[in-house]
C-alpha atoms as a PDB file:
ATOM      1  CA  MET A   1     -39.478 -18.191-128.621  1.00  0.00           C
ATOM      2  CA  THR A   2     -39.449 -17.106-132.268  1.00  0.00           C
ATOM      3  CA  ARG A   3     -38.388 -13.523-132.764  1.00  0.00           C
ATOM      4  CA  THR A   4     -36.006 -11.482-134.913  1.00  0.00           C
ATOM      5  CA  VAL A   5     -33.844  -8.663-133.584  1.00  0.00           C
ATOM      6  CA  ASP A   6     -30.939  -6.571-134.823  1.00  0.00           C
ATOM      7  CA  LEU A   7     -27.634  -6.238-132.987  1.00  0.00           C
ATOM      8  CA  ASN A   8     -25.948  -2.829-133.206  1.00  0.00           C
ATOM      9  CA  ALA A   9     -22.716  -1.354-131.861  1.00  0.00           C
ATOM     10  CA  ASP A  10     -21.291   2.146-131.572  1.00  0.00           C
ATOM     11  CA  MET A  11     -17.929   2.265-133.317  1.00  0.00           C
ATOM     12  CA  GLY A  12     -15.496   4.277-135.416  1.00  0.00           C
ATOM     13  CA  GLU A  13     -14.550   6.072-132.211  1.00  0.00           C
ATOM     14  CA  SER A  14     -10.771   5.967-132.522  1.00  0.00           C
ATOM     15  CA  PHE A  15      -9.072   9.292-133.241  1.00  0.00           C
ATOM     16  CA  GLY A  16      -5.678   9.844-134.846  1.00  0.00           C
ATOM     17  CA  ALA A  17      -3.076   7.945-132.838  1.00  0.00           C
ATOM     18  CA  TRP A  18      -5.636   6.890-130.191  1.00  0.00           C
ATOM     19  CA  SER A  19      -7.302   3.534-130.777  1.00  0.00           C
ATOM     20  CA  LEU A  20     -10.591   2.647-129.077  1.00  0.00           C
ATOM     21  CA  GLY A  21     -12.450  -0.645-129.369  1.00  0.00           C
ATOM     22  CA  ASP A  22     -12.198  -3.617-131.711  1.00  0.00           C
ATOM     23  CA  ASP A  23     -14.370  -2.454-134.596  1.00  0.00           C
ATOM     24  CA  ALA A  24     -13.344  -5.252-136.959  1.00  0.00           C
ATOM     25  CA  GLY A  25     -14.179  -7.837-134.306  1.00  0.00           C
ATOM     26  CA  LEU A  26     -17.566  -6.283-133.570  1.00  0.00           C
ATOM     27  CA  LEU A  27     -18.393  -6.069-137.268  1.00  0.00           C
ATOM     28  CA  ASP A  28     -18.134  -9.868-137.418  1.00  0.00           C
ATOM     29  CA  ILE A  29     -20.916 -10.063-134.794  1.00  0.00           C
ATOM     30  CA  VAL A  30     -23.375  -7.187-135.226  1.00  0.00           C
ATOM     31  CA  THR A  31     -25.895  -6.573-137.991  1.00  0.00           C
ATOM     32  CA  SER A  32     -25.845  -2.749-137.742  1.00  0.00           C
ATOM     33  CA  ALA A  33     -23.056  -0.250-136.988  1.00  0.00           C
ATOM     34  CA  ASN A  34     -23.404   3.270-135.584  1.00  0.00           C
ATOM     35  CA  ILE A  35     -20.321   5.121-136.820  1.00  0.00           C
ATOM     36  CA  ALA A  36     -19.006   8.268-135.118  1.00  0.00           C
ATOM     37  CA  CYS A  37     -19.029  11.380-137.293  1.00  0.00           C
ATOM     38  CA  GLY A  38     -16.060  13.324-135.928  1.00  0.00           C
ATOM     39  CA  TYR A  39     -17.737  15.439-133.235  1.00  0.00           C
ATOM     40  CA  HIS A  40     -17.498  13.251-130.130  1.00  0.00           C
ATOM     41  CA  ALA A  41     -15.000  10.813-131.676  1.00  0.00           C
ATOM     42  CA  GLY A  42     -13.672   9.520-134.975  1.00  0.00           C
ATOM     43  CA  ASP A  43     -11.878  11.248-137.837  1.00  0.00           C
ATOM     44  CA  PRO A  44     -12.002  10.951-141.647  1.00  0.00           C
ATOM     45  CA  ASP A  45      -9.525   8.065-141.791  1.00  0.00           C
ATOM     46  CA  VAL A  46     -11.318   6.142-139.053  1.00  0.00           C
ATOM     47  CA  MET A  47     -14.690   6.755-140.690  1.00  0.00           C
ATOM     48  CA  ALA A  48     -13.374   5.550-144.044  1.00  0.00           C
ATOM     49  CA  SER A  49     -11.800   2.363-142.702  1.00  0.00           C
ATOM     50  CA  THR A  50     -14.826   1.487-140.552  1.00  0.00           C
ATOM     51  CA  MET A  51     -17.252   2.112-143.419  1.00  0.00           C
ATOM     52  CA  LYS A  52     -15.145  -0.087-145.714  1.00  0.00           C
ATOM     53  CA  ILE A  53     -15.302  -3.062-143.346  1.00  0.00           C
ATOM     54  CA  ALA A  54     -19.026  -2.533-142.723  1.00  0.00           C
ATOM     55  CA  VAL A  55     -19.745  -2.552-146.465  1.00  0.00           C
ATOM     56  CA  ALA A  56     -17.640  -5.684-146.976  1.00  0.00           C
ATOM     57  CA  ASN A  57     -19.536  -7.438-144.161  1.00  0.00           C
ATOM     58  CA  GLY A  58     -22.973  -6.343-145.358  1.00  0.00           C
ATOM     59  CA  THR A  59     -23.530  -4.540-142.058  1.00  0.00           C
ATOM     60  CA  GLY A  60     -26.169  -1.804-141.910  1.00  0.00           C
ATOM     61  CA  ILE A  61     -24.489   1.610-141.639  1.00  0.00           C
ATOM     62  CA  GLY A  62     -25.745   4.322-139.315  1.00  0.00           C
ATOM     63  CA  ALA A  63     -24.607   7.858-138.558  1.00  0.00           C
ATOM     64  CA  HIS A  64     -23.837   8.409-134.864  1.00  0.00           C
ATOM     65  CA  PRO A  65     -23.846  12.184-134.231  1.00  0.00           C
ATOM     66  CA  GLY A  66     -22.992  13.687-130.854  1.00  0.00           C
ATOM     67  CA  PHE A  67     -21.972  16.911-129.170  1.00  0.00           C
ATOM     68  CA  PRO A  68     -18.692  18.572-130.295  1.00  0.00           C
ATOM     69  CA  ASP A  69     -16.820  17.167-127.295  1.00  0.00           C
ATOM     70  CA  LEU A  70     -13.754  15.118-128.211  1.00  0.00           C
ATOM     71  CA  GLN A  71     -12.160  15.581-124.795  1.00  0.00           C
ATOM     72  CA  GLY A  72     -15.265  14.376-122.959  1.00  0.00           C
ATOM     73  CA  PHE A  73     -16.181  11.729-125.554  1.00  0.00           C
ATOM     74  CA  GLY A  74     -19.550  13.410-126.036  1.00  0.00           C
ATOM     75  CA  ARG A  75     -20.683  12.496-122.536  1.00  0.00           C
ATOM     76  CA  ARG A  76     -20.811  16.040-121.140  1.00  0.00           C
ATOM     77  CA  ARG A  77     -24.156  17.806-121.323  1.00  0.00           C
ATOM     78  CA  MET A  78     -24.284  21.002-123.337  1.00  0.00           C
ATOM     79  CA  SER A  79     -26.852  23.762-123.718  1.00  0.00           C
ATOM     80  CA  VAL A  80     -27.332  24.250-127.468  1.00  0.00           C
ATOM     81  CA  PRO A  81     -30.218  26.083-129.224  1.00  0.00           C
ATOM     82  CA  ASN A  82     -32.417  23.664-131.159  1.00  0.00           C
ATOM     83  CA  GLU A  83     -31.665  25.380-134.479  1.00  0.00           C
ATOM     84  CA  THR A  84     -27.928  24.928-133.937  1.00  0.00           C
ATOM     85  CA  LEU A  85     -28.510  21.386-132.722  1.00  0.00           C
ATOM     86  CA  GLY A  86     -30.325  20.571-135.937  1.00  0.00           C
ATOM     87  CA  ASN A  87     -27.490  21.946-138.034  1.00  0.00           C
ATOM     88  CA  MET A  88     -24.979  19.919-136.028  1.00  0.00           C
ATOM     89  CA  VAL A  89     -26.957  16.759-136.840  1.00  0.00           C
ATOM     90  CA  ARG A  90     -27.189  17.684-140.540  1.00  0.00           C
ATOM     91  CA  TYR A  91     -23.446  18.359-140.690  1.00  0.00           C
ATOM     92  CA  GLN A  92     -22.516  15.017-139.144  1.00  0.00           C
ATOM     93  CA  LEU A  93     -25.060  13.040-141.148  1.00  0.00           C
ATOM     94  CA  GLY A  94     -23.735  14.601-144.352  1.00  0.00           C
ATOM     95  CA  ALA A  95     -20.199  13.529-143.473  1.00  0.00           C
ATOM     96  CA  ALA A  96     -21.365   9.985-142.789  1.00  0.00           C
ATOM     97  CA  GLN A  97     -23.265   9.845-146.080  1.00  0.00           C
ATOM     98  CA  ALA A  98     -20.217  10.985-148.042  1.00  0.00           C
ATOM     99  CA  MET A  99     -17.896   8.465-146.434  1.00  0.00           C
ATOM    100  CA  ALA A 100     -20.387   5.612-146.781  1.00  0.00           C
ATOM    101  CA  ARG A 101     -20.967   6.296-150.478  1.00  0.00           C
ATOM    102  CA  ALA A 102     -17.237   6.503-151.136  1.00  0.00           C
ATOM    103  CA  ALA A 103     -16.932   3.051-149.543  1.00  0.00           C
ATOM    104  CA  GLY A 104     -19.720   1.674-151.749  1.00  0.00           C
ATOM    105  CA  GLY A 105     -22.482   1.781-149.149  1.00  0.00           C
ATOM    106  CA  GLU A 106     -25.272   3.996-147.839  1.00  0.00           C
ATOM    107  CA  VAL A 107     -26.320   5.378-144.466  1.00  0.00           C
ATOM    108  CA  ARG A 108     -29.623   3.694-143.585  1.00  0.00           C
ATOM    109  CA  HIS A 109     -30.156   4.879-140.004  1.00  0.00           C
ATOM    110  CA  LEU A 110     -29.243   7.541-137.441  1.00  0.00           C
ATOM    111  CA  LYS A 111     -28.627   7.150-133.721  1.00  0.00           C
ATOM    112  CA  LEU A 112     -27.786   9.953-131.294  1.00  0.00           C
ATOM    113  CA  HIS A 113     -24.714   9.547-129.098  1.00  0.00           C
ATOM    114  CA  GLY A 114     -23.925  10.026-125.414  1.00  0.00           C
ATOM    115  CA  ALA A 115     -25.143  13.118-123.594  1.00  0.00           C
ATOM    116  CA  LEU A 116     -27.032  14.273-126.687  1.00  0.00           C
ATOM    117  CA  ALA A 117     -28.952  10.980-126.697  1.00  0.00           C
ATOM    118  CA  ASN A 118     -29.568  11.069-122.951  1.00  0.00           C
ATOM    119  CA  MET A 119     -30.897  14.620-123.075  1.00  0.00           C
ATOM    120  CA  ALA A 120     -33.107  13.792-126.064  1.00  0.00           C
ATOM    121  CA  SER A 121     -34.478  10.778-124.170  1.00  0.00           C
ATOM    122  CA  GLU A 122     -35.750  13.230-121.525  1.00  0.00           C
ATOM    123  CA  ASN A 123     -36.832  16.140-123.778  1.00  0.00           C
ATOM    124  CA  VAL A 124     -39.193  15.509-126.684  1.00  0.00           C
ATOM    125  CA  GLU A 125     -38.587  18.936-128.274  1.00  0.00           C
ATOM    126  CA  MET A 126     -34.855  18.328-128.336  1.00  0.00           C
ATOM    127  CA  ALA A 127     -35.360  14.875-129.842  1.00  0.00           C
ATOM    128  CA  ARG A 128     -37.721  16.326-132.437  1.00  0.00           C
ATOM    129  CA  ALA A 129     -35.157  18.996-133.427  1.00  0.00           C
ATOM    130  CA  CYS A 130     -32.533  16.308-134.023  1.00  0.00           C
ATOM    131  CA  TYR A 131     -34.819  13.988-135.955  1.00  0.00           C
ATOM    132  CA  GLU A 132     -36.413  16.720-138.068  1.00  0.00           C
ATOM    133  CA  ALA A 133     -32.903  17.780-139.074  1.00  0.00           C
ATOM    134  CA  ALA A 134     -31.969  14.250-140.104  1.00  0.00           C
ATOM    135  CA  LEU A 135     -35.216  13.821-142.043  1.00  0.00           C
ATOM    136  CA  SER A 136     -34.605  17.104-143.856  1.00  0.00           C
ATOM    137  CA  VAL A 137     -31.424  15.519-145.256  1.00  0.00           C
ATOM    138  CA  ASP A 138     -32.918  12.058-145.877  1.00  0.00           C
ATOM    139  CA  PRO A 139     -36.711  11.636-145.456  1.00  0.00           C
ATOM    140  CA  GLU A 140     -36.316   7.834-145.641  1.00  0.00           C
ATOM    141  CA  ILE A 141     -33.660   7.487-142.944  1.00  0.00           C
ATOM    142  CA  ILE A 142     -34.497   5.126-140.078  1.00  0.00           C
ATOM    143  CA  VAL A 143     -34.310   6.845-136.694  1.00  0.00           C
ATOM    144  CA  MET A 144     -32.990   4.582-133.940  1.00  0.00           C
ATOM    145  CA  VAL A 145     -34.585   5.588-130.633  1.00  0.00           C
ATOM    146  CA  LEU A 146     -34.063   4.674-127.001  1.00  0.00           C
ATOM    147  CA  ALA A 147     -37.206   2.583-126.474  1.00  0.00           C
ATOM    148  CA  GLY A 148     -39.865   3.948-124.139  1.00  0.00           C
ATOM    149  CA  THR A 149     -38.438   7.475-123.887  1.00  0.00           C
ATOM    150  CA  ALA A 150     -39.071  10.951-125.324  1.00  0.00           C
ATOM    151  CA  GLN A 151     -36.977   9.877-128.315  1.00  0.00           C
ATOM    152  CA  GLN A 152     -39.629   7.321-129.259  1.00  0.00           C
ATOM    153  CA  GLN A 153     -42.409   9.852-128.656  1.00  0.00           C
ATOM    154  CA  ALA A 154     -40.743  12.364-130.999  1.00  0.00           C
ATOM    155  CA  ALA A 155     -40.299   9.753-133.737  1.00  0.00           C
ATOM    156  CA  GLN A 156     -43.916   8.685-133.384  1.00  0.00           C
ATOM    157  CA  GLU A 157     -45.101  12.285-133.688  1.00  0.00           C
ATOM    158  CA  LEU A 158     -42.978  12.741-136.823  1.00  0.00           C
ATOM    159  CA  GLY A 159     -44.268   9.511-138.362  1.00  0.00           C
ATOM    160  CA  CYS A 160     -40.795   8.474-139.519  1.00  0.00           C
ATOM    161  CA  LYS A 161     -39.253   5.044-139.927  1.00  0.00           C
ATOM    162  CA  THR A 162     -38.059   3.936-136.513  1.00  0.00           C
ATOM    163  CA  ALA A 163     -36.036   1.231-134.769  1.00  0.00           C
ATOM    164  CA  CYS A 164     -36.587   0.841-131.012  1.00  0.00           C
ATOM    165  CA  GLU A 165     -33.395   0.058-129.107  1.00  0.00           C
ATOM    166  CA  ILE A 166     -32.486  -1.509-125.786  1.00  0.00           C
ATOM    167  CA  PHE A 167     -29.008  -1.799-124.242  1.00  0.00           C
ATOM    168  CA  ALA A 168     -27.219  -5.014-123.358  1.00  0.00           C
ATOM    169  CA  ASP A 169     -24.585  -3.423-121.136  1.00  0.00           C
ATOM    170  CA  ARG A 170     -26.480  -0.615-119.382  1.00  0.00           C
ATOM    171  CA  ALA A 171     -28.847  -0.583-116.389  1.00  0.00           C
ATOM    172  CA  TYR A 172     -32.231   1.146-116.639  1.00  0.00           C
ATOM    173  CA  ASN A 173     -34.167   3.629-114.526  1.00  0.00           C
ATOM    174  CA  ASN A 174     -37.919   3.158-114.077  1.00  0.00           C
ATOM    175  CA  ASP A 175     -38.672   5.794-116.750  1.00  0.00           C
ATOM    176  CA  ALA A 176     -36.772   3.725-119.367  1.00  0.00           C
ATOM    177  CA  THR A 177     -33.790   6.103-119.340  1.00  0.00           C
ATOM    178  CA  LEU A 178     -30.297   4.781-118.652  1.00  0.00           C
ATOM    179  CA  VAL A 179     -28.755   4.838-115.182  1.00  0.00           C
ATOM    180  CA  ASP A 180     -26.098   7.563-115.074  1.00  0.00           C
ATOM    181  CA  ARG A 181     -22.631   6.149-115.732  1.00  0.00           C
ATOM    182  CA  SER A 182     -21.328   7.729-112.528  1.00  0.00           C
ATOM    183  CA  LEU A 183     -23.560   5.461-110.399  1.00  0.00           C
ATOM    184  CA  PRO A 184     -22.675   1.923-109.250  1.00  0.00           C
ATOM    185  CA  GLY A 185     -24.031  -0.817-111.500  1.00  0.00           C
ATOM    186  CA  ALA A 186     -24.788   1.524-114.401  1.00  0.00           C
ATOM    187  CA  VAL A 187     -22.581  -0.456-116.801  1.00  0.00           C
ATOM    188  CA  ILE A 188     -22.850  -4.255-117.028  1.00  0.00           C
ATOM    189  CA  HIS A 189     -19.430  -5.820-117.504  1.00  0.00           C
ATOM    190  CA  ASP A 190     -20.283  -9.542-117.148  1.00  0.00           C
ATOM    191  CA  PRO A 191     -20.930 -11.114-120.590  1.00  0.00           C
ATOM    192  CA  ALA A 192     -23.090 -13.928-119.186  1.00  0.00           C
ATOM    193  CA  GLU A 193     -25.296 -11.456-117.313  1.00  0.00           C
ATOM    194  CA  ALA A 194     -25.670  -9.316-120.429  1.00  0.00           C
ATOM    195  CA  GLY A 195     -26.726 -12.351-122.460  1.00  0.00           C
ATOM    196  CA  ARG A 196     -29.288 -13.505-119.867  1.00  0.00           C
ATOM    197  CA  ARG A 197     -30.908 -10.105-119.491  1.00  0.00           C
ATOM    198  CA  MET A 198     -31.268  -9.638-123.253  1.00  0.00           C
ATOM    199  CA  VAL A 199     -32.968 -13.014-123.641  1.00  0.00           C
ATOM    200  CA  ASP A 200     -35.331 -12.097-120.785  1.00  0.00           C
ATOM    201  CA  MET A 201     -36.152  -8.675-122.237  1.00  0.00           C
ATOM    202  CA  VAL A 202     -36.766  -9.990-125.754  1.00  0.00           C
ATOM    203  CA  ARG A 203     -38.853 -12.891-124.392  1.00  0.00           C
ATOM    204  CA  GLU A 204     -41.016 -10.550-122.304  1.00  0.00           C
ATOM    205  CA  GLY A 205     -41.098  -7.696-124.816  1.00  0.00           C
ATOM    206  CA  ALA A 206     -40.141  -5.359-122.022  1.00  0.00           C
ATOM    207  CA  ILE A 207     -37.293  -3.344-120.525  1.00  0.00           C
ATOM    208  CA  ILE A 208     -36.325  -4.781-117.143  1.00  0.00           C
ATOM    209  CA  THR A 209     -35.105  -1.991-114.863  1.00  0.00           C
ATOM    210  CA  ALA A 210     -32.509  -2.089-112.098  1.00  0.00           C
ATOM    211  CA  ASP A 211     -35.197  -2.864-109.488  1.00  0.00           C
ATOM    212  CA  GLY A 212     -36.967  -5.473-111.619  1.00  0.00           C
ATOM    213  CA  THR A 213     -39.781  -3.286-112.952  1.00  0.00           C
ATOM    214  CA  ARG A 214     -41.063  -4.335-116.386  1.00  0.00           C
ATOM    215  CA  ILE A 215     -41.719  -1.624-119.006  1.00  0.00           C
ATOM    216  CA  PRO A 216     -43.483  -3.160-122.046  1.00  0.00           C
ATOM    217  CA  THR A 217     -41.901  -1.907-125.268  1.00  0.00           C
ATOM    218  CA  ARG A 218     -41.237  -2.707-128.891  1.00  0.00           C
ATOM    219  CA  ILE A 219     -37.704  -4.103-129.294  1.00  0.00           C
ATOM    220  CA  ASP A 220     -36.103  -3.940-132.738  1.00  0.00           C
ATOM    221  CA  THR A 221     -32.403  -3.729-131.917  1.00  0.00           C
ATOM    222  CA  ILE A 222     -29.950  -4.334-129.079  1.00  0.00           C
ATOM    223  CA  CYS A 223     -26.942  -2.071-128.506  1.00  0.00           C
ATOM    224  CA  LEU A 224     -23.529  -3.488-127.682  1.00  0.00           C
ATOM    225  CA  HIS A 225     -21.161  -0.644-126.793  1.00  0.00           C
ATOM    226  CA  GLY A 226     -17.786  -0.909-128.484  1.00  0.00           C
ATOM    227  CA  ASP A 227     -15.752   1.112-125.979  1.00  0.00           C
ATOM    228  CA  THR A 228     -16.028  -1.048-122.833  1.00  0.00           C
ATOM    229  CA  PRO A 229     -13.193  -3.459-121.887  1.00  0.00           C
ATOM    230  CA  THR A 230     -15.415  -6.551-122.258  1.00  0.00           C
ATOM    231  CA  ALA A 231     -17.244  -5.266-125.368  1.00  0.00           C
ATOM    232  CA  LEU A 232     -16.316  -8.108-127.686  1.00  0.00           C
ATOM    233  CA  ALA A 233     -17.017 -10.784-125.083  1.00  0.00           C
ATOM    234  CA  ILE A 234     -20.406  -9.184-124.291  1.00  0.00           C
ATOM    235  CA  ALA A 235     -21.275  -9.017-127.989  1.00  0.00           C
ATOM    236  CA  GLN A 236     -20.411 -12.677-128.486  1.00  0.00           C
ATOM    237  CA  ALA A 237     -22.308 -13.736-125.356  1.00  0.00           C
ATOM    238  CA  VAL A 238     -25.439 -11.788-126.294  1.00  0.00           C
ATOM    239  CA  ARG A 239     -25.406 -13.141-129.846  1.00  0.00           C
ATOM    240  CA  SER A 240     -24.967 -16.717-128.649  1.00  0.00           C
ATOM    241  CA  ALA A 241     -27.622 -16.425-125.927  1.00  0.00           C
ATOM    242  CA  LEU A 242     -30.192 -15.023-128.356  1.00  0.00           C
ATOM    243  CA  LEU A 243     -29.528 -17.642-131.028  1.00  0.00           C
ATOM    244  CA  GLU A 244     -29.659 -20.454-128.467  1.00  0.00           C
ATOM    245  CA  SER A 245     -33.030 -19.165-127.231  1.00  0.00           C
ATOM    246  CA  GLY A 246     -34.472 -19.236-130.756  1.00  0.00           C
ATOM    247  CA  VAL A 247     -34.107 -15.557-131.656  1.00  0.00           C
ATOM    248  CA  SER A 248     -33.027 -14.810-135.243  1.00  0.00           C
ATOM    249  CA  LEU A 249     -30.676 -11.926-136.036  1.00  0.00           C
ATOM    250  CA  ALA A 250     -31.260  -9.548-138.940  1.00  0.00           C
ATOM    251  CA  GLN A 251     -31.167  -5.833-139.745  1.00  0.00           C
ATOM    252  CA  PHE A 252     -34.265  -3.929-138.624  1.00  0.00           C
ATOM    253  CA  GLU A 253     -36.742  -2.786-141.267  1.00  0.00           C
ATOM    254  CA  GLY A 254     -37.652   0.512-139.613  1.00  0.00           C
ATOM    255  CA  ALA A 255     -41.433   0.214-139.243  1.00  0.00           C
ATOM    256  CA  LYS A 256     -43.208   3.325-138.002  1.00  0.00           C
ATOM    257  CA  VAL A 257     -44.097   3.396-134.285  1.00  0.00           C
END
């Protein structure tokens, strides 16, 4: 199997005295980083330090906007008018751009976080509001979408640069959305299992759901969450499994869908 994919991780999610995840360790493994913008997690110091390491490693930098929900880590659903939602995305993207440039880098992509991402994967108008806002700030930004969902549909309708994402450590429903974290088996904790399922999905060019259903999809990037206890081990296992199966790793180019 000859194929090239990107590996991304959500990071920069520590806050003040509270440390979450091994960002430096992940940045030695991934090719792209989605960095929290202060709404669901992160703060200016954390953003600055994470951006600095990403630039030094040559890792692609992405803004990772979410709901203003520090206490709930952005995983609680909120009802927000689309106009306000767009401004929230602009605000967070602007912060990420400033911090990246100060560190000597640039923001090349945007990925929605948590409940905001899950809701946008179900609602094309909500996804469009978020992506139109990002494109109004940077028309060339690459929009990372949850493959096979309303997020991808919105990006396709907008004709923007896109990277289609699958998840190494999350189980899938049959509509290509993620199994709710409150349900058993929603999060994959076994590194070997995560590695095997990513090789299978990349080989087949399809999302494999919890019941074995195949959903054919374009796969540009694989997400490795940085906030799970086995995050680093999963990242290493997925990277090794892909390389051993003949898959090359490189930053996505952001072709239109």
